[in-house]
Amino acid sequence: MAQLLTEAEIKQQLSNLSNWTLEGSKLQLNRTFQNFVQAIEFVNKLVEPAESAGHHPDIEISYNKVKITLTTHDAGGLTQKDFDLAKEISQIT
C-alpha cells in the first residue's frame, strides 16, 4: 500500500501544482471548456495516464465543466501517486 504523505509534504507538493486545490484529504481540479464535446475530449485524454499509473481519478462532468478529484482510497488519503497523476493531468490540454 502507498504511504500517506505528511501535511508538510502535501503543502510542498501542492505549491508545485497550478490550479489544484486541497479539499480535505483530496486534490481537486476544476476545468471549464467551451462546450460538452471539449469537456468529454479532455476526460478521454485522462484514460491512458490513469491506466498506466494504475490510479484512477474520480471525475464529475456537468456540461462544459469537469471536476477531477484524486485521493488514494486504500491508503485513506493523499500519497505520491496522487501528486504524480496530478502532474500528468496538468499537462493535458
Protein backbone atom coordinates (compact mmCIF):
# COMPACT_ATOMS: atom_id res chain seq x y z
CA MET A 1 0.00 0.00 0.00
CA ALA A 2 1.17 3.52 -0.78
CA GLN A 3 2.49 5.62 2.10
CA LEU A 4 0.41 8.63 3.21
CA LEU A 5 2.14 11.97 2.83
CA THR A 6 2.60 14.29 5.79
CA GLU A 7 0.85 17.66 5.91
CA ALA A 8 4.17 19.39 5.16
CA GLU A 9 4.84 17.13 2.16
CA ILE A 10 1.32 17.78 0.85
CA LYS A 11 1.71 21.56 1.14
CA GLN A 12 5.12 21.47 -0.54
CA GLN A 13 3.90 19.35 -3.46
CA LEU A 14 0.68 21.35 -3.83
CA SER A 15 2.74 24.52 -4.24
CA ASN A 16 4.19 22.99 -7.43
CA LEU A 17 0.76 22.37 -8.99
CA SER A 18 -1.20 25.10 -10.74
CA ASN A 19 -4.97 25.21 -10.37
CA TRP A 20 -5.20 22.23 -7.97
CA THR A 21 -6.72 22.75 -4.53
CA LEU A 22 -6.73 20.72 -1.37
CA GLU A 23 -10.22 19.65 -0.28
CA GLY A 24 -9.83 17.73 2.97
CA SER A 25 -7.70 14.70 2.11
CA LYS A 26 -8.22 15.08 -1.64
CA LEU A 27 -6.69 17.01 -4.52
CA GLN A 28 -9.18 18.73 -6.78
CA LEU A 29 -9.00 20.36 -10.20
CA ASN A 30 -11.87 22.20 -11.89
CA ARG A 31 -11.67 22.88 -15.61
CA THR A 32 -14.18 24.71 -17.82
CA PHE A 33 -14.39 24.19 -21.57
CA GLN A 34 -16.32 25.88 -24.36
CA ASN A 35 -18.81 23.03 -24.66
CA PHE A 36 -19.70 19.46 -23.71
CA VAL A 37 -17.72 17.90 -26.56
CA GLN A 38 -14.49 19.58 -25.47
CA ALA A 39 -15.09 18.52 -21.86
CA ILE A 40 -15.53 14.89 -22.95
CA GLU A 41 -12.46 15.07 -25.19
CA PHE A 42 -10.44 16.19 -22.15
CA VAL A 43 -11.82 13.37 -20.00
CA ASN A 44 -10.96 10.83 -22.70
CA LYS A 45 -7.34 12.03 -22.59
CA LEU A 46 -7.22 11.03 -18.91
CA VAL A 47 -7.73 7.33 -19.63
CA GLU A 48 -4.21 6.41 -20.75
CA PRO A 49 -2.26 8.13 -17.95
CA ALA A 50 -4.66 6.81 -15.30
CA GLU A 51 -4.47 3.26 -16.66
CA SER A 52 -0.67 3.44 -16.93
CA ALA A 53 -0.42 4.61 -13.33
CA GLY A 54 -2.99 2.10 -12.11
CA HIS A 55 -4.54 5.04 -10.31
CA HIS A 56 -7.93 6.41 -11.30
CA PRO A 57 -9.40 9.82 -10.55
CA ASP A 58 -12.98 10.49 -9.55
CA ILE A 59 -14.48 12.54 -12.39
CA GLU A 60 -17.61 14.68 -12.45
CA ILE A 61 -18.88 16.19 -15.69
CA SER A 62 -21.52 18.89 -15.86
CA TYR A 63 -21.96 20.06 -19.47
CA ASN A 64 -18.73 22.02 -20.04
CA LYS A 65 -17.27 21.66 -16.54
CA VAL A 66 -15.05 18.82 -15.36
CA LYS A 67 -14.08 18.23 -11.73
CA ILE A 68 -11.24 15.80 -11.08
CA THR A 69 -10.63 14.50 -7.58
CA LEU A 70 -7.59 12.49 -6.57
CA THR A 71 -7.01 10.52 -3.38
CA THR A 72 -5.60 7.09 -2.65
CA HIS A 73 -8.69 5.37 -1.32
CA ASP A 74 -6.94 2.25 0.01
CA ALA A 75 -4.41 4.40 1.91
CA GLY A 76 -7.07 6.74 3.27
CA GLY A 77 -5.61 9.98 1.96
CA LEU A 78 -3.01 11.57 -0.26
CA THR A 79 0.06 9.68 -1.45
CA GLN A 80 2.77 10.31 -4.02
CA LYS A 81 0.57 8.52 -6.58
CA ASP A 82 -1.95 11.36 -6.37
CA PHE A 83 0.61 14.07 -6.98
CA ASP A 84 2.30 12.14 -9.79
CA LEU A 85 -1.03 11.73 -11.61
CA ALA A 86 -2.00 15.36 -10.89
CA LYS A 87 1.24 16.50 -12.61
CA GLU A 88 0.39 14.40 -15.66
CA ILE A 89 -3.19 15.66 -15.77
CA SER A 90 -1.95 19.26 -15.51
CA GLN A 91 -0.07 18.81 -18.79
CA ILE A 92 -3.16 17.66 -20.71
CA THR A 93 -4.87 20.36 -22.74
